[in-house]
Amino acid sequence: MITNDLYIKKSSGEQVKFSVEKLKNSLIKSGADRALAEKITTNVRDELFQGISTKEIYNRAFAMLKATKSHLASKYKLKKAIYELGPTGFPFERYVAAILEASGYQTRVGEIINGRCVKHEVDVLATKGNNTVLVECKFHSEAGLNCNVKIPLYIQSRFQDIQLNWNTTYHSKTNMTQGWVVTNTKFTEDAKTYGNCIGLYLLSWDYPLNNGLKERIDQLKLYPITTSTLLTKREKQFLLNREVVLCKDLLNDAFYLDHLGVSEIRKKRILNEIKLLCNTK
């Protein structure tokens, strides 16, 4: 298959040129060595056709990686795994809180906070030292839905109302210094421009550059339970309902697998996959 003029379809509907190097690099970033990445890329490339979706390309690469090393496939499916935290978005809020805690913050999730004018339900309050930030999480359960400028506009107004009251009432404890917007998808250019202009901190899958959600998760090894390639959808939902959001949490709460009736052989495989993924002995 000659791929120089091959166009593929993104989840947004946009047609883009297929890049062999982009696919290969995504596999290498998931931990595959160069030889394995090149082998999978070659096999996928030979099956391509004009207009194939990025989802189909991903599925083919994922299946080949899973057949070789399942824990690398778990890492490769990270973006999809975060979509699977839905549909309510609450597990995503807990997931964001866990990422912040690993970065030195103390967090509170889903609290009602008084503003100067009205009360607000806040997704995450994160405190480090004498400073508190208000974190609003915008979760999408499917690809192709980005956060436009209306989101940071709305969050900024909520932040200002809460900040005015907080820094008057709670000033002796902490200062509320900044509002954050965190999404598992992407921000439009207008959203980024407004957020940077007004002082909101924006965090998405790939933003800020080299410090987005993906990079932070890989660095901290905080993979969601939905990345597992060995747990069923029902088992993942069972664990999420019991606030087991992180893979590493299951290592401490492995008894939940007994509650699910998982056999000892399969339990060992699941936990081994998670240990390899999280680099835990």
Protein backbone atom coordinates (compact mmCIF):
# COMPACT_ATOMS: atom_id res chain seq x y z
CA MET A 1 0.00 0.00 0.00
CA ILE A 2 1.41 3.38 -1.07
CA THR A 3 0.49 5.90 1.64
CA ASN A 4 1.83 9.15 0.17
CA ASP A 5 -1.63 10.22 -1.00
CA LEU A 6 -3.73 8.24 1.46
CA TYR A 7 -6.26 10.28 3.42
CA ILE A 8 -7.81 9.06 6.66
CA LYS A 9 -10.88 10.29 8.51
CA LYS A 10 -10.57 11.74 12.04
CA SER A 11 -13.38 11.46 14.62
CA SER A 12 -14.28 15.11 13.89
CA GLY A 13 -14.90 14.20 10.25
CA GLU A 14 -11.77 16.01 9.06
CA GLN A 15 -9.74 14.30 6.32
CA VAL A 16 -5.97 14.27 6.91
CA LYS A 17 -2.99 12.58 5.28
CA PHE A 18 -1.93 9.33 6.90
CA SER A 19 1.47 9.52 8.61
CA VAL A 20 3.50 6.34 9.05
CA GLU A 21 5.84 8.12 11.46
CA LYS A 22 2.98 9.40 13.62
CA LEU A 23 1.61 5.88 14.06
CA LYS A 24 5.06 4.46 14.74
CA ASN A 25 5.85 7.17 17.31
CA SER A 26 2.55 6.61 19.13
CA LEU A 27 3.49 2.95 19.57
CA ILE A 28 7.01 3.81 20.74
CA LYS A 29 5.60 6.30 23.26
CA SER A 30 3.47 3.46 24.63
CA GLY A 31 6.64 1.50 25.38
CA ALA A 32 7.02 -0.63 22.26
CA ASP A 33 10.61 -1.03 21.06
CA ARG A 34 11.42 0.22 17.57
CA ALA A 35 11.38 -3.24 15.99
CA LEU A 36 7.89 -4.02 17.34
CA ALA A 37 6.61 -0.56 16.41
CA GLU A 38 7.90 -0.94 12.86
CA LYS A 39 6.40 -4.42 12.54
CA ILE A 40 2.94 -3.26 13.68
CA THR A 41 3.13 -0.11 11.53
CA THR A 42 4.01 -2.15 8.44
CA ASN A 43 1.15 -4.60 9.04
CA VAL A 44 -1.35 -1.78 9.60
CA ARG A 45 -0.10 0.16 6.57
CA ASP A 46 -0.62 -2.86 4.31
CA GLU A 47 -4.30 -3.02 5.31
CA LEU A 48 -5.13 0.66 4.77
CA PHE A 49 -7.59 2.03 2.23
CA GLN A 50 -8.69 5.51 1.18
CA GLY A 51 -10.96 7.12 3.79
CA ILE A 52 -10.31 4.62 6.58
CA SER A 53 -11.10 6.10 9.99
CA THR A 54 -8.49 6.81 12.65
CA LYS A 55 -10.60 4.60 14.94
CA GLU A 56 -10.14 1.60 12.62
CA ILE A 57 -6.40 2.24 12.39
CA TYR A 58 -6.20 2.45 16.18
CA ASN A 59 -8.18 -0.78 16.62
CA ARG A 60 -5.85 -2.69 14.29
CA ALA A 61 -2.68 -1.40 15.95
CA PHE A 62 -4.16 -2.00 19.42
CA ALA A 63 -5.08 -5.62 18.61
CA MET A 64 -1.55 -6.36 17.37
CA LEU A 65 0.04 -4.73 20.41
CA LYS A 66 -2.31 -6.56 22.80
CA ALA A 67 -1.44 -9.91 21.21
CA THR A 68 2.24 -9.21 21.92
CA LYS A 69 2.35 -7.26 25.20
CA SER A 70 -0.98 -6.51 26.88
CA HIS A 71 0.41 -3.95 29.35
CA LEU A 72 1.73 -1.85 26.46
CA ALA A 73 -1.70 -2.10 24.82
CA SER A 74 -3.18 -0.78 28.08
CA LYS A 75 -0.93 2.26 27.86
CA TYR A 76 -1.68 2.68 24.15
CA LYS A 77 -5.44 2.85 24.83
CA LEU A 78 -5.09 5.59 27.48
CA LYS A 79 -7.12 8.20 25.60
CA LYS A 80 -9.95 5.75 24.91
CA ALA A 81 -9.79 4.51 28.51
CA ILE A 82 -10.47 8.01 29.83
CA TYR A 83 -13.57 8.23 27.62
CA GLU A 84 -14.71 4.99 29.27
CA LEU A 85 -14.76 6.69 32.70
CA GLY A 86 -18.17 8.16 31.75
CA PRO A 87 -20.97 8.78 31.33
CA THR A 88 -21.51 10.92 34.46
CA GLY A 89 -18.06 12.50 34.55
CA PHE A 90 -17.76 11.96 38.31
CA PRO A 91 -15.00 9.30 38.01
CA PHE A 92 -13.11 11.78 35.81
CA GLU A 93 -13.32 14.38 38.60
CA ARG A 94 -11.88 11.85 41.04
CA TYR A 95 -9.23 10.95 38.49
CA VAL A 96 -8.19 14.60 38.08
CA ALA A 97 -8.09 14.95 41.87
CA ALA A 98 -5.76 11.93 42.05
CA ILE A 99 -3.42 13.49 39.49
CA LEU A 100 -3.34 16.71 41.51
CA GLU A 101 -2.72 14.82 44.77
CA ALA A 102 0.26 13.07 43.16
CA SER A 103 1.53 16.55 42.29
CA GLY A 104 1.45 17.70 45.91
CA TYR A 105 -2.06 19.12 46.28
CA GLN A 106 -4.67 18.33 48.90
CA THR A 107 -8.04 17.95 47.19
CA ARG A 108 -11.77 17.97 47.90
CA VAL A 109 -14.26 16.76 45.31
CA GLY A 110 -17.86 17.83 44.64
CA GLU A 111 -18.29 20.45 47.37
CA ILE A 112 -20.88 23.24 47.52
CA ILE A 113 -19.07 26.57 47.91
CA ASN A 114 -20.60 29.98 48.57
CA GLY A 115 -19.86 32.70 46.08
CA ARG A 116 -20.53 36.36 46.73
CA CYS A 117 -23.80 36.08 44.79
CA VAL A 118 -24.82 32.40 44.66
CA LYS A 119 -23.73 28.92 45.72
CA HIS A 120 -21.72 26.73 43.34
CA GLU A 121 -21.01 23.02 43.17
CA VAL A 122 -17.28 22.78 42.54
CA ASP A 123 -15.72 19.73 40.88
CA VAL A 124 -12.34 19.89 42.66
CA LEU A 125 -10.76 22.25 45.18
CA ALA A 126 -6.99 21.80 45.27
CA THR A 127 -4.73 23.37 47.90
CA LYS A 128 -0.95 23.54 48.05
CA GLY A 129 0.62 25.62 50.78
CA ASN A 130 -1.42 28.79 51.25
CA ASN A 131 -2.95 28.74 47.78
CA THR A 132 -6.18 27.12 46.62
CA VAL A 133 -7.27 26.63 43.01
CA LEU A 134 -10.77 25.94 41.74
CA VAL A 135 -10.81 23.11 39.20
CA GLU A 136 -13.72 22.53 36.83
CA CYS A 137 -13.67 19.27 34.85
CA LYS A 138 -15.27 19.07 31.42
CA PHE A 139 -15.61 15.42 30.50
CA HIS A 140 -16.61 14.08 27.09
CA SER A 141 -17.44 10.39 26.66
CA GLU A 142 -16.74 10.38 22.92
CA ALA A 143 -14.08 11.71 20.58
CA GLY A 144 -14.54 14.77 18.38
CA LEU A 145 -16.16 17.02 21.01
CA ASN A 146 -13.85 19.87 21.95
CA CYS A 147 -14.17 22.64 24.54
CA ASN A 148 -14.96 25.94 22.84
CA VAL A 149 -14.54 29.44 24.26
CA LYS A 150 -17.95 29.33 26.01
CA ILE A 151 -16.53 26.91 28.59
CA PRO A 152 -13.69 29.11 29.95
CA LEU A 153 -16.00 32.16 29.74
CA TYR A 154 -18.51 30.40 31.98
CA ILE A 155 -15.88 29.01 34.38
CA GLN A 156 -14.22 32.40 34.75
CA SER A 157 -17.49 33.99 35.90
CA ARG A 158 -18.00 31.20 38.47
CA PHE A 159 -14.40 31.50 39.65
CA GLN A 160 -14.68 35.26 40.15
CA ASP A 161 -17.88 34.93 42.20
CA ILE A 162 -16.33 32.26 44.44
CA GLN A 163 -12.98 34.05 44.71
CA LEU A 164 -14.61 37.30 45.89
CA ASN A 165 -16.27 35.49 48.78
CA TRP A 166 -13.46 33.01 49.52
CA ASN A 167 -10.71 35.57 49.93
CA THR A 168 -12.90 37.58 52.29
CA THR A 169 -14.21 34.70 54.39
CA TYR A 170 -11.30 32.28 54.31
CA HIS A 171 -8.39 34.67 53.94
CA SER A 172 -6.72 33.56 57.18
CA LYS A 173 -6.50 29.97 55.83
CA THR A 174 -5.72 30.09 52.10
CA ASN A 175 -5.99 32.43 49.15
CA MET A 176 -7.97 31.34 46.11
CA THR A 177 -5.53 32.27 43.39
CA GLN A 178 -6.63 30.71 40.13
CA GLY A 179 -9.35 28.89 38.21
CA TRP A 180 -8.56 25.77 36.19
CA VAL A 181 -10.43 24.06 33.38
CA VAL A 182 -9.50 20.42 32.77
CA THR A 183 -10.85 18.39 29.85
CA ASN A 184 -10.11 14.95 28.44
CA THR A 185 -10.44 16.28 24.88
CA LYS A 186 -9.05 19.48 23.39
CA PHE A 187 -9.58 23.23 23.56
CA THR A 188 -10.35 25.32 20.50
CA GLU A 189 -7.87 28.07 19.66
CA ASP A 190 -10.33 30.74 20.88
CA ALA A 191 -10.66 28.93 24.21
CA LYS A 192 -6.87 28.86 24.61
CA THR A 193 -6.55 32.52 23.67
CA TYR A 194 -9.23 33.61 26.15
CA GLY A 195 -7.93 31.38 28.94
CA ASN A 196 -4.37 32.68 28.57
CA CYS A 197 -5.60 36.28 28.36
CA ILE A 198 -7.78 36.13 31.48
CA GLY A 199 -5.45 33.98 33.58
CA LEU A 200 -7.34 30.68 33.63
CA TYR A 201 -5.17 27.57 33.64
CA LEU A 202 -6.21 25.21 30.84
CA LEU A 203 -5.29 21.53 30.90
CA SER A 204 -6.36 19.13 28.15
CA TRP A 205 -5.21 15.89 26.55
CA ASP A 206 -2.40 17.67 24.68
CA TYR A 207 -2.24 21.14 26.26
CA PRO A 208 -0.07 22.77 27.54
CA LEU A 209 2.46 21.45 25.05
CA ASN A 210 4.53 18.63 26.57
CA ASN A 211 2.66 19.04 29.89
CA GLY A 212 -0.87 17.97 29.00
CA LEU A 213 -2.89 15.21 30.64
CA LYS A 214 -1.21 12.45 28.65
CA GLU A 215 2.31 13.50 29.66
CA ARG A 216 1.32 13.92 33.32
CA ILE A 217 -0.38 10.53 33.47
CA ASP A 218 2.59 8.76 31.86
CA GLN A 219 5.03 10.53 34.16
CA LEU A 220 3.05 9.75 37.32
CA LYS A 221 1.98 6.24 36.19
CA LEU A 222 -1.59 7.10 37.21
CA TYR A 223 -3.48 5.00 34.69
CA PRO A 224 -7.26 4.67 35.07
CA ILE A 225 -8.71 1.22 35.75
CA THR A 226 -10.36 1.37 32.34
CA THR A 227 -6.97 0.95 30.64
CA SER A 228 -6.90 -2.74 31.59
CA THR A 229 -7.22 -5.03 28.58
CA LEU A 230 -8.11 -8.01 30.77
CA LEU A 231 -11.02 -6.64 32.84
CA THR A 232 -14.48 -6.76 31.28
CA LYS A 233 -16.68 -3.68 30.91
CA ARG A 234 -18.93 -4.95 33.72
CA GLU A 235 -15.95 -5.50 36.02
CA LYS A 236 -14.58 -2.03 35.33
CA GLN A 237 -17.95 -0.45 36.12
CA PHE A 238 -18.16 -2.48 39.35
CA LEU A 239 -14.78 -1.09 40.41
CA LEU A 240 -15.59 2.49 39.38
CA ASN A 241 -18.80 2.32 41.43
CA ARG A 242 -16.62 1.51 44.43
CA GLU A 243 -14.28 4.44 43.70
CA VAL A 244 -11.45 2.25 42.40
CA VAL A 245 -10.48 4.70 39.67
CA LEU A 246 -6.73 4.08 39.39
CA CYS A 247 -5.03 0.85 38.35
CA LYS A 248 -2.70 1.11 41.32
CA ASP A 249 -5.71 1.25 43.66
CA LEU A 250 -6.68 -2.26 42.57
CA LEU A 251 -3.29 -3.53 43.74
CA ASN A 252 -4.28 -2.44 47.26
CA ASP A 253 -7.93 -3.52 46.90
CA ALA A 254 -7.49 -6.79 45.03
CA PHE A 255 -10.23 -8.36 47.18
CA TYR A 256 -12.73 -6.71 44.83
CA LEU A 257 -11.67 -9.26 42.21
CA ASP A 258 -12.72 -12.00 44.64
CA HIS A 259 -16.10 -10.29 45.02
CA LEU A 260 -16.42 -10.39 41.23
CA GLY A 261 -15.72 -14.11 41.19
CA VAL A 262 -12.50 -13.77 39.22
CA SER A 263 -10.49 -17.01 39.19
CA GLU A 264 -7.06 -17.11 40.82
CA ILE A 265 -5.35 -17.65 37.46
CA ARG A 266 -7.11 -14.71 35.84
CA LYS A 267 -6.66 -12.55 38.96
CA LYS A 268 -2.91 -13.14 38.77
CA ARG A 269 -2.86 -12.12 35.08
CA ILE A 270 -4.86 -8.94 35.78
CA LEU A 271 -2.65 -7.86 38.67
CA ASN A 272 0.52 -8.69 36.74
CA GLU A 273 -0.64 -6.55 33.82
CA ILE A 274 -1.28 -3.64 36.20
CA LYS A 275 2.10 -4.06 37.91
CA LEU A 276 3.86 -3.93 34.54
CA LEU A 277 1.81 -0.90 33.51
CA CYS A 278 2.53 0.99 36.72
CA ASN A 279 6.13 -0.26 36.99
CA THR A 280 5.32 -1.80 40.38
CA LYS A 281 7.13 -4.87 41.63
